[in-house]
Amino acid sequence: MDAETTTAAASQSKSQQAYHWIKNRIASQEFTPGYRLVLGSIAGELDMSVVPVREAIRQLEAEGLVTFERNVGARVSMVDDTAYRFSMQALSVLEGAATALSARALTADDVRRARRVNELMIETLAHFDPRAFTALNQEFHAILFGRCANPRLLELVQAEWARLGHLRDSTFSFVPGRAAESVREHENILVLIENGAPLAEIEKASRRHRSATLDAYLIHEHPDEALGLPVF
């Protein structure tokens, strides 16, 4: 039994190594949507058998990052625009609520830190890097909703952020022009918080800010479908 337990633990360890190795390459877009994942090649790269690689593929398939087709094999999933749209819509509601609930608890130092991050975002506009801008954008919003006293709401916001990371490396890669508008809206939200605006107004501004990014993407990628979309 001890030998079996040791073997199982080793197998699990290797499957997790393979899982993270593949997942990191999907996240970095080294393995792009549609990329065929050849188990034997990956196993050779990682110096392991195909068994743990197969287990890793199954885990990634369960998460929606990989699809398996009969007689074709495993491929990196194509980007699902519908899933992206739903996540952005959900995040606009969740993050807006979390920001409003956090607003009264934010300190002057929190606001200064958020404004400094926004200033760094403005500095990147001259030599725009979508990934760097997105990382700063996440940092900015994390400060604003970070003092929300509802832990469940925070969990939901962070879960949607993670889901978006799988669906889109950076929306600003598609609509770089949206970045300049985004930082102006950030400042507006900060002013509302500083001035003690009604929480409903802060929530509305935060929700519109998130929805505007989704709208910009849809207009760019799907102009016909974007017409007449409801405002969230």
Protein backbone atom coordinates (compact mmCIF):
# COMPACT_ATOMS: atom_id res chain seq x y z
CA MET A 1 0.00 0.00 0.00
CA ASP A 2 2.84 2.34 0.83
CA ALA A 3 4.34 1.81 -2.62
CA GLU A 4 0.97 2.42 -4.26
CA THR A 5 0.45 5.60 -2.25
CA THR A 6 3.91 6.86 -3.18
CA THR A 7 3.28 6.09 -6.86
CA ALA A 8 -0.10 7.87 -6.78
CA ALA A 9 1.41 10.95 -5.13
CA ALA A 10 4.21 11.06 -7.69
CA SER A 11 1.70 10.72 -10.53
CA GLN A 12 -0.45 13.52 -9.12
CA SER A 13 2.62 15.71 -8.74
CA LYS A 14 3.60 15.15 -12.36
CA SER A 15 0.06 15.74 -13.60
CA GLN A 16 0.03 19.06 -11.77
CA GLN A 17 3.40 19.98 -13.24
CA ALA A 18 2.01 19.25 -16.71
CA TYR A 19 -1.20 21.12 -15.90
CA HIS A 20 0.61 24.31 -14.85
CA TRP A 21 3.11 24.03 -17.73
CA ILE A 22 0.35 23.85 -20.33
CA LYS A 23 -1.86 26.41 -18.60
CA ASN A 24 0.95 28.97 -18.41
CA ARG A 25 1.58 28.61 -22.13
CA ILE A 26 -2.08 29.11 -22.89
CA ALA A 27 -2.16 32.20 -20.64
CA SER A 28 0.96 33.65 -22.32
CA GLN A 29 -0.56 32.88 -25.74
CA GLU A 30 2.38 30.68 -26.69
CA PHE A 31 -0.33 28.08 -27.22
CA THR A 32 -2.96 30.07 -29.11
CA PRO A 33 -6.65 29.16 -29.66
CA GLY A 34 -6.84 26.10 -31.89
CA TYR A 35 -3.28 24.98 -31.11
CA ARG A 36 -3.04 21.19 -31.14
CA LEU A 37 -1.71 19.70 -27.91
CA VAL A 38 0.29 16.59 -28.80
CA LEU A 39 0.54 14.50 -25.65
CA GLY A 40 3.71 12.68 -26.70
CA SER A 41 5.54 15.91 -27.53
CA ILE A 42 4.51 17.53 -24.25
CA ALA A 43 5.51 14.41 -22.30
CA GLY A 44 8.90 14.46 -24.01
CA GLU A 45 9.36 18.15 -23.26
CA LEU A 46 8.59 17.52 -19.59
CA ASP A 47 10.48 14.23 -19.40
CA MET A 48 7.49 12.22 -18.19
CA SER A 49 5.07 9.64 -19.53
CA VAL A 50 1.87 10.59 -21.36
CA VAL A 51 -0.29 9.45 -18.41
CA PRO A 52 0.13 12.58 -16.23
CA VAL A 53 -0.08 14.76 -19.36
CA ARG A 54 -3.41 13.14 -20.21
CA GLU A 55 -4.64 13.82 -16.67
CA ALA A 56 -3.59 17.47 -17.01
CA ILE A 57 -5.42 17.75 -20.33
CA ARG A 58 -8.58 16.38 -18.73
CA GLN A 59 -8.36 18.96 -15.95
CA LEU A 60 -7.88 21.77 -18.46
CA GLU A 61 -10.79 20.43 -20.50
CA ALA A 62 -13.00 20.56 -17.38
CA GLU A 63 -12.02 24.23 -16.98
CA GLY A 64 -12.90 24.98 -20.58
CA LEU A 65 -9.36 25.86 -21.65
CA VAL A 66 -8.95 22.75 -23.81
CA THR A 67 -11.35 20.88 -26.07
CA PHE A 68 -10.99 17.24 -27.10
CA GLU A 69 -12.28 16.07 -30.47
CA ARG A 70 -12.51 12.46 -31.50
CA ASN A 71 -9.98 11.51 -34.19
CA VAL A 72 -8.41 14.96 -33.82
CA GLY A 73 -7.14 15.14 -30.25
CA ALA A 74 -6.77 17.97 -27.78
CA ARG A 75 -6.67 21.59 -28.84
CA VAL A 76 -6.60 24.91 -27.03
CA SER A 77 -10.21 26.10 -26.91
CA MET A 78 -11.28 28.83 -29.25
CA VAL A 79 -12.15 32.10 -27.55
CA ASP A 80 -15.81 32.13 -26.60
CA ASP A 81 -17.11 35.65 -27.15
CA THR A 82 -20.40 34.79 -25.47
CA ALA A 83 -18.63 33.68 -22.28
CA TYR A 84 -16.51 36.85 -22.38
CA ARG A 85 -19.60 39.00 -22.78
CA PHE A 86 -21.37 37.31 -19.88
CA SER A 87 -18.33 37.69 -17.61
CA MET A 88 -17.96 41.37 -18.40
CA GLN A 89 -21.66 41.97 -17.79
CA ALA A 90 -21.50 40.09 -14.49
CA LEU A 91 -18.35 41.92 -13.44
CA SER A 92 -19.90 45.32 -14.15
CA VAL A 93 -22.65 44.53 -11.64
CA LEU A 94 -20.48 42.77 -9.04
CA GLU A 95 -17.55 45.18 -9.15
CA GLY A 96 -19.86 48.20 -9.11
CA ALA A 97 -21.54 46.93 -5.96
CA ALA A 98 -18.24 46.01 -4.30
CA THR A 99 -16.75 49.43 -5.10
CA ALA A 100 -19.76 51.22 -3.63
CA LEU A 101 -19.67 49.09 -0.48
CA SER A 102 -15.95 49.76 -0.14
CA ALA A 103 -16.10 53.51 -0.80
CA ARG A 104 -16.80 54.77 2.72
CA ALA A 105 -14.04 52.59 4.18
CA LEU A 106 -11.33 53.78 1.80
CA THR A 107 -8.66 55.92 3.44
CA ALA A 108 -6.96 58.97 2.00
CA ASP A 109 -3.90 56.78 1.48
CA ASP A 110 -5.98 54.26 -0.50
CA VAL A 111 -7.20 57.02 -2.79
CA ARG A 112 -3.65 58.35 -3.24
CA ARG A 113 -2.40 54.86 -4.16
CA ALA A 114 -5.23 54.39 -6.64
CA ARG A 115 -4.54 57.77 -8.22
CA ARG A 116 -0.83 56.94 -8.48
CA VAL A 117 -1.66 53.70 -10.27
CA ASN A 118 -3.90 55.63 -12.63
CA GLU A 119 -1.06 58.06 -13.30
CA LEU A 120 1.17 55.11 -14.21
CA MET A 121 -1.54 53.95 -16.60
CA ILE A 122 -1.56 57.39 -18.22
CA GLU A 123 2.22 57.20 -18.62
CA THR A 124 1.90 53.91 -20.54
CA LEU A 125 -0.37 55.49 -23.15
CA ALA A 126 2.57 57.01 -25.03
CA HIS A 127 4.12 53.57 -25.63
CA PHE A 128 1.09 51.40 -25.15
CA ASP A 129 1.50 47.89 -23.76
CA PRO A 130 -1.93 46.24 -23.39
CA ARG A 131 -0.76 43.62 -20.89
CA ALA A 132 0.99 46.15 -18.63
CA PHE A 133 -2.02 48.45 -18.84
CA THR A 134 -4.38 45.60 -17.93
CA ALA A 135 -2.23 44.63 -14.92
CA LEU A 136 -2.31 48.23 -13.66
CA ASN A 137 -6.04 48.39 -14.34
CA GLN A 138 -6.60 45.37 -12.13
CA GLU A 139 -4.43 46.91 -9.41
CA PHE A 140 -6.43 50.14 -9.57
CA HIS A 141 -9.79 48.44 -9.19
CA ALA A 142 -8.52 46.06 -6.52
CA ILE A 143 -7.73 49.09 -4.37
CA LEU A 144 -11.20 50.56 -4.87
CA PHE A 145 -13.19 47.43 -4.01
CA GLY A 146 -10.63 45.97 -1.60
CA ARG A 147 -12.30 47.27 1.58
CA CYS A 148 -15.72 45.82 0.73
CA ALA A 149 -16.92 44.15 3.93
CA ASN A 150 -18.83 41.42 2.07
CA PRO A 151 -16.38 38.52 1.60
CA ARG A 152 -18.73 36.59 -0.68
CA LEU A 153 -19.04 39.54 -3.05
CA LEU A 154 -15.26 39.89 -3.11
CA GLU A 155 -14.93 36.20 -3.97
CA LEU A 156 -17.33 36.61 -6.88
CA VAL A 157 -15.49 39.67 -8.21
CA GLN A 158 -12.13 37.91 -8.03
CA ALA A 159 -13.56 34.79 -9.67
CA GLU A 160 -14.80 36.83 -12.64
CA TRP A 161 -11.43 38.58 -12.91
CA ALA A 162 -9.79 35.16 -13.10
CA ARG A 163 -12.30 33.95 -15.68
CA LEU A 164 -11.65 37.02 -17.83
CA GLY A 165 -7.93 36.27 -17.68
CA HIS A 166 -8.64 32.93 -19.35
CA LEU A 167 -10.95 34.42 -21.97
CA ARG A 168 -8.97 37.51 -22.93
CA ASP A 169 -5.33 38.32 -22.25
CA SER A 170 -6.26 41.98 -22.56
CA THR A 171 -9.35 43.61 -24.01
CA PHE A 172 -7.21 46.70 -24.66
CA SER A 173 -5.28 44.71 -27.27
CA PHE A 174 -8.44 44.90 -29.38
CA VAL A 175 -9.51 48.43 -28.50
CA PRO A 176 -6.38 50.41 -27.48
CA GLY A 177 -8.28 53.66 -27.98
CA ARG A 178 -10.48 52.73 -25.03
CA ALA A 179 -7.49 53.05 -22.67
CA ALA A 180 -7.44 56.87 -22.68
CA GLU A 181 -11.16 57.00 -21.92
CA SER A 182 -10.71 54.44 -19.17
CA VAL A 183 -8.19 56.47 -17.17
CA ARG A 184 -10.42 59.55 -17.38
CA GLU A 185 -13.30 57.51 -15.99
CA HIS A 186 -11.01 56.26 -13.21
CA GLU A 187 -10.36 59.82 -12.11
CA ASN A 188 -14.08 60.55 -12.15
CA ILE A 189 -14.74 57.59 -9.85
CA LEU A 190 -11.99 58.75 -7.49
CA VAL A 191 -13.48 62.25 -7.32
CA LEU A 192 -16.90 60.79 -6.50
CA ILE A 193 -15.37 58.76 -3.67
CA GLU A 194 -13.36 61.72 -2.33
CA ASN A 195 -16.44 63.96 -2.35
CA GLY A 196 -18.59 61.43 -0.49
CA ALA A 197 -21.03 61.06 -3.38
CA PRO A 198 -24.10 58.85 -2.82
CA LEU A 199 -23.16 55.17 -2.99
CA ALA A 200 -25.70 54.62 -5.76
CA GLU A 201 -23.89 57.21 -7.88
CA ILE A 202 -20.50 55.57 -7.24
CA GLU A 203 -21.92 52.16 -8.12
CA LYS A 204 -23.50 53.50 -11.30
CA ALA A 205 -20.24 55.15 -12.43
CA SER A 206 -18.28 51.96 -11.77
CA ARG A 207 -20.80 49.81 -13.64
CA ARG A 208 -20.87 52.15 -16.63
CA HIS A 209 -17.08 52.19 -16.68
CA ARG A 210 -16.93 48.40 -17.02
CA SER A 211 -19.82 48.28 -19.51
CA ALA A 212 -18.14 50.90 -21.70
CA THR A 213 -15.12 48.63 -22.18
CA LEU A 214 -17.38 45.76 -23.23
CA ASP A 215 -19.32 48.02 -25.58
CA ALA A 216 -16.09 49.25 -27.20
CA TYR A 217 -14.98 45.65 -27.76
CA LEU A 218 -18.32 44.58 -29.24
CA ILE A 219 -18.44 47.57 -31.57
CA HIS A 220 -14.92 46.73 -32.75
CA GLU A 221 -15.33 42.96 -33.12
CA HIS A 222 -19.06 42.57 -33.80
CA PRO A 223 -20.44 45.92 -35.02
CA ASP A 224 -23.72 44.44 -36.26
CA GLU A 225 -24.41 42.61 -32.99
CA ALA A 226 -23.40 45.58 -30.86
CA LEU A 227 -26.24 47.76 -32.10
CA GLY A 228 -29.05 48.09 -29.63
CA LEU A 229 -27.32 46.38 -26.71
CA PRO A 230 -28.84 47.16 -23.30
CA VAL A 231 -26.82 49.25 -20.87
CA PHE A 232 -25.87 47.38 -17.68
